[in-house]
């Protein structure tokens, strides 16, 4: 059995190509999208026939890291 996907609409908010989309079963009406415009948008999905999602928040990601020394050094 093959699953079929259909395009229902377009979420408008990024000014660059969308490079990643993330979902979670805990929040089935939410989507995160990342773009080449260097933003992440959290979307609340709707069932409206003309507006498929409402941008809830836009994030500007920052790189964070933690450096640990080995115990032998």
N, C-alpha and C. Protein backbone atom coordinates (compact mmCIF):
# COMPACT_ATOMS: atom_id res chain seq x y z
N UNK A 1 0.85 -1.18 0.00
CA UNK A 1 0.00 0.00 0.00
C UNK A 1 0.89 1.24 0.00
N UNK A 2 0.61 2.18 -0.87
CA UNK A 2 1.39 3.40 -1.00
C UNK A 2 0.60 4.58 -0.45
N UNK A 3 1.26 5.37 0.40
CA UNK A 3 0.61 6.58 0.91
C UNK A 3 0.71 7.67 -0.14
N UNK A 4 -0.33 8.47 -0.23
CA UNK A 4 -0.32 9.59 -1.16
C UNK A 4 -0.39 10.89 -0.37
N UNK A 5 0.40 11.84 -0.79
CA UNK A 5 0.39 13.16 -0.17
C UNK A 5 -0.16 14.15 -1.18
N UNK A 6 -0.97 15.08 -0.69
CA UNK A 6 -1.50 16.12 -1.55
C UNK A 6 -1.18 17.48 -0.95
N UNK A 7 -0.89 18.42 -1.82
CA UNK A 7 -0.63 19.79 -1.38
C UNK A 7 -1.96 20.44 -1.05
N UNK A 8 -2.07 20.98 0.14
CA UNK A 8 -3.31 21.62 0.58
C UNK A 8 -3.23 23.13 0.46
N UNK A 9 -2.01 23.67 0.56
CA UNK A 9 -1.85 25.11 0.50
C UNK A 9 -0.40 25.49 0.73
N UNK A 10 -0.16 26.77 0.83
CA UNK A 10 1.18 27.30 0.99
C UNK A 10 1.24 28.14 2.26
N UNK A 11 2.30 27.95 3.02
CA UNK A 11 2.55 28.78 4.20
C UNK A 11 3.50 29.89 3.76
N UNK A 12 3.07 31.13 3.90
CA UNK A 12 3.88 32.26 3.45
C UNK A 12 4.47 32.99 4.65
N UNK A 13 5.80 33.19 4.60
CA UNK A 13 6.44 33.90 5.70
C UNK A 13 7.94 34.02 5.53
N UNK A 14 8.57 33.05 4.88
CA UNK A 14 10.01 33.09 4.66
C UNK A 14 10.33 33.90 3.41
N UNK A 15 11.51 34.53 3.42
CA UNK A 15 11.95 35.26 2.22
C UNK A 15 13.01 34.48 1.45
N UNK A 16 13.33 33.27 1.92
CA UNK A 16 14.29 32.40 1.23
C UNK A 16 13.72 30.99 1.13
N UNK A 17 14.48 30.12 0.48
CA UNK A 17 14.04 28.73 0.34
C UNK A 17 13.91 28.07 1.71
N UNK A 18 12.87 27.28 1.89
CA UNK A 18 12.72 26.48 3.11
C UNK A 18 13.60 25.25 2.97
N UNK A 19 14.45 25.02 3.96
CA UNK A 19 15.40 23.92 3.90
C UNK A 19 15.03 22.76 4.81
N UNK A 20 14.23 23.01 5.85
CA UNK A 20 13.83 21.94 6.76
C UNK A 20 12.45 22.23 7.34
N UNK A 21 11.73 21.14 7.62
CA UNK A 21 10.44 21.21 8.29
C UNK A 21 10.44 20.16 9.39
N UNK A 22 9.93 20.52 10.57
CA UNK A 22 9.88 19.58 11.69
C UNK A 22 8.48 19.57 12.29
N UNK A 23 8.05 18.39 12.70
CA UNK A 23 6.76 18.22 13.37
C UNK A 23 6.98 17.35 14.60
N UNK A 24 5.97 17.28 15.44
CA UNK A 24 6.02 16.39 16.60
C UNK A 24 4.61 15.89 16.90
N UNK A 25 4.48 14.63 17.30
CA UNK A 25 3.14 14.10 17.62
C UNK A 25 2.51 14.79 18.83
N UNK A 26 3.33 15.37 19.72
CA UNK A 26 2.78 16.06 20.90
C UNK A 26 1.98 17.30 20.54
N UNK A 27 2.34 17.95 19.43
CA UNK A 27 1.64 19.16 18.97
C UNK A 27 1.32 19.01 17.48
N UNK A 28 0.28 18.25 17.14
CA UNK A 28 -0.01 17.95 15.74
C UNK A 28 -0.43 19.16 14.91
N UNK A 29 -0.80 20.27 15.56
CA UNK A 29 -1.19 21.46 14.80
C UNK A 29 -0.06 22.49 14.72
N UNK A 30 1.19 22.07 15.04
CA UNK A 30 2.35 22.96 14.97
C UNK A 30 3.39 22.41 14.00
N UNK A 31 4.06 23.31 13.29
CA UNK A 31 5.17 22.97 12.39
C UNK A 31 6.26 24.01 12.61
N UNK A 32 7.51 23.57 12.59
CA UNK A 32 8.65 24.48 12.56
C UNK A 32 9.26 24.41 11.17
N UNK A 33 9.59 25.56 10.61
CA UNK A 33 10.26 25.58 9.30
C UNK A 33 11.51 26.45 9.40
N UNK A 34 12.60 25.96 8.78
CA UNK A 34 13.86 26.69 8.73
C UNK A 34 14.14 27.06 7.29
N UNK A 35 14.76 28.22 7.11
CA UNK A 35 14.93 28.75 5.76
C UNK A 35 16.34 29.29 5.54
N UNK A 36 16.67 29.47 4.26
CA UNK A 36 17.94 30.12 3.89
C UNK A 36 17.93 31.59 4.25
N UNK A 37 16.79 32.13 4.64
CA UNK A 37 16.75 33.53 5.09
C UNK A 37 17.23 33.66 6.54
N UNK A 38 17.73 32.55 7.10
CA UNK A 38 18.32 32.48 8.44
C UNK A 38 17.29 32.68 9.55
N UNK A 39 16.04 32.26 9.30
CA UNK A 39 15.02 32.32 10.33
C UNK A 39 14.37 30.95 10.49
N UNK A 40 13.77 30.76 11.66
CA UNK A 40 12.94 29.60 11.95
C UNK A 40 11.56 30.15 12.31
N UNK A 41 10.52 29.62 11.69
CA UNK A 41 9.16 30.07 12.00
C UNK A 41 8.38 28.91 12.62
N UNK A 42 7.70 29.21 13.73
CA UNK A 42 6.79 28.25 14.34
C UNK A 42 5.39 28.59 13.82
N UNK A 43 4.74 27.60 13.20
CA UNK A 43 3.43 27.78 12.57
C UNK A 43 2.34 27.08 13.37
N UNK A 44 1.19 27.71 13.50
CA UNK A 44 -0.01 27.06 14.01
C UNK A 44 -0.87 26.76 12.80
N UNK A 45 -1.08 25.47 12.54
CA UNK A 45 -1.87 25.07 11.38
C UNK A 45 -3.35 25.31 11.62
N UNK A 46 -4.06 25.65 10.56
CA UNK A 46 -5.50 25.89 10.64
C UNK A 46 -6.21 24.99 9.64
N UNK A 47 -7.49 24.95 9.73
CA UNK A 47 -8.28 24.17 8.78
C UNK A 47 -9.01 25.09 7.79
N UNK A 48 -8.65 26.34 7.80
CA UNK A 48 -9.25 27.32 6.90
C UNK A 48 -8.85 27.01 5.46
N UNK A 49 -9.77 27.10 4.54
CA UNK A 49 -9.50 26.78 3.13
C UNK A 49 -8.63 27.82 2.44
N UNK A 50 -8.53 29.03 2.98
CA UNK A 50 -7.73 30.07 2.33
C UNK A 50 -6.45 30.39 3.08
N UNK A 51 -6.36 30.02 4.34
CA UNK A 51 -5.18 30.31 5.16
C UNK A 51 -4.82 29.04 5.92
N UNK A 52 -3.74 28.38 5.50
CA UNK A 52 -3.42 27.06 6.05
C UNK A 52 -2.57 27.10 7.30
N UNK A 53 -1.98 28.24 7.59
CA UNK A 53 -1.16 28.33 8.78
C UNK A 53 -0.90 29.78 9.16
N UNK A 54 -0.75 30.01 10.45
CA UNK A 54 -0.50 31.35 10.96
C UNK A 54 0.87 31.35 11.62
N UNK A 55 1.80 32.22 11.17
CA UNK A 55 3.09 32.27 11.84
C UNK A 55 2.91 32.75 13.28
N UNK A 56 3.39 31.97 14.24
CA UNK A 56 3.24 32.32 15.64
C UNK A 56 4.45 33.08 16.18
N UNK A 57 5.62 32.70 15.70
CA UNK A 57 6.84 33.33 16.20
C UNK A 57 7.96 33.08 15.21
N UNK A 58 8.82 34.08 15.03
CA UNK A 58 10.00 33.94 14.18
C UNK A 58 11.23 34.01 15.06
N UNK A 59 12.14 33.07 14.85
CA UNK A 59 13.36 33.00 15.64
C UNK A 59 14.56 33.27 14.74
N UNK A 60 15.57 33.93 15.28
CA UNK A 60 16.86 34.07 14.62
C UNK A 60 17.82 33.16 15.37
N UNK A 61 18.14 31.99 14.80
CA UNK A 61 18.97 31.03 15.52
C UNK A 61 20.38 31.55 15.74
N UNK A 62 20.96 31.13 16.86
CA UNK A 62 22.34 31.46 17.19
C UNK A 62 23.07 30.16 17.49
N UNK A 63 24.31 30.13 17.14
CA UNK A 63 25.12 28.94 17.39
C UNK A 63 25.60 28.94 18.83
N UNK A 64 25.38 27.85 19.53
CA UNK A 64 25.85 27.69 20.90
C UNK A 64 26.63 26.39 21.00
N UNK A 65 27.69 26.40 21.75
CA UNK A 65 28.43 25.16 21.96
C UNK A 65 29.09 25.18 23.34
N UNK A 66 29.42 24.01 23.81
CA UNK A 66 30.07 23.86 25.10
C UNK A 66 31.31 23.01 24.87
N UNK A 67 32.46 23.51 25.31
CA UNK A 67 33.72 22.79 25.13
C UNK A 67 34.14 22.22 26.48
N UNK A 68 34.37 20.91 26.49
CA UNK A 68 34.81 20.24 27.72
C UNK A 68 36.22 19.74 27.53
N UNK A 69 37.04 19.92 28.55
CA UNK A 69 38.39 19.36 28.52
C UNK A 69 38.32 17.91 28.97
N UNK A 70 39.19 17.10 28.39
CA UNK A 70 39.29 15.73 28.85
C UNK A 70 39.95 15.72 30.22
N UNK A 71 39.62 14.76 31.05
CA UNK A 71 40.17 14.69 32.41
C UNK A 71 41.68 14.48 32.41
N UNK A 72 42.22 13.86 31.38
CA UNK A 72 43.65 13.57 31.33
C UNK A 72 44.48 14.78 30.92
N UNK A 73 43.91 15.86 30.56
CA UNK A 73 44.68 17.02 30.09
C UNK A 73 44.84 18.07 31.14
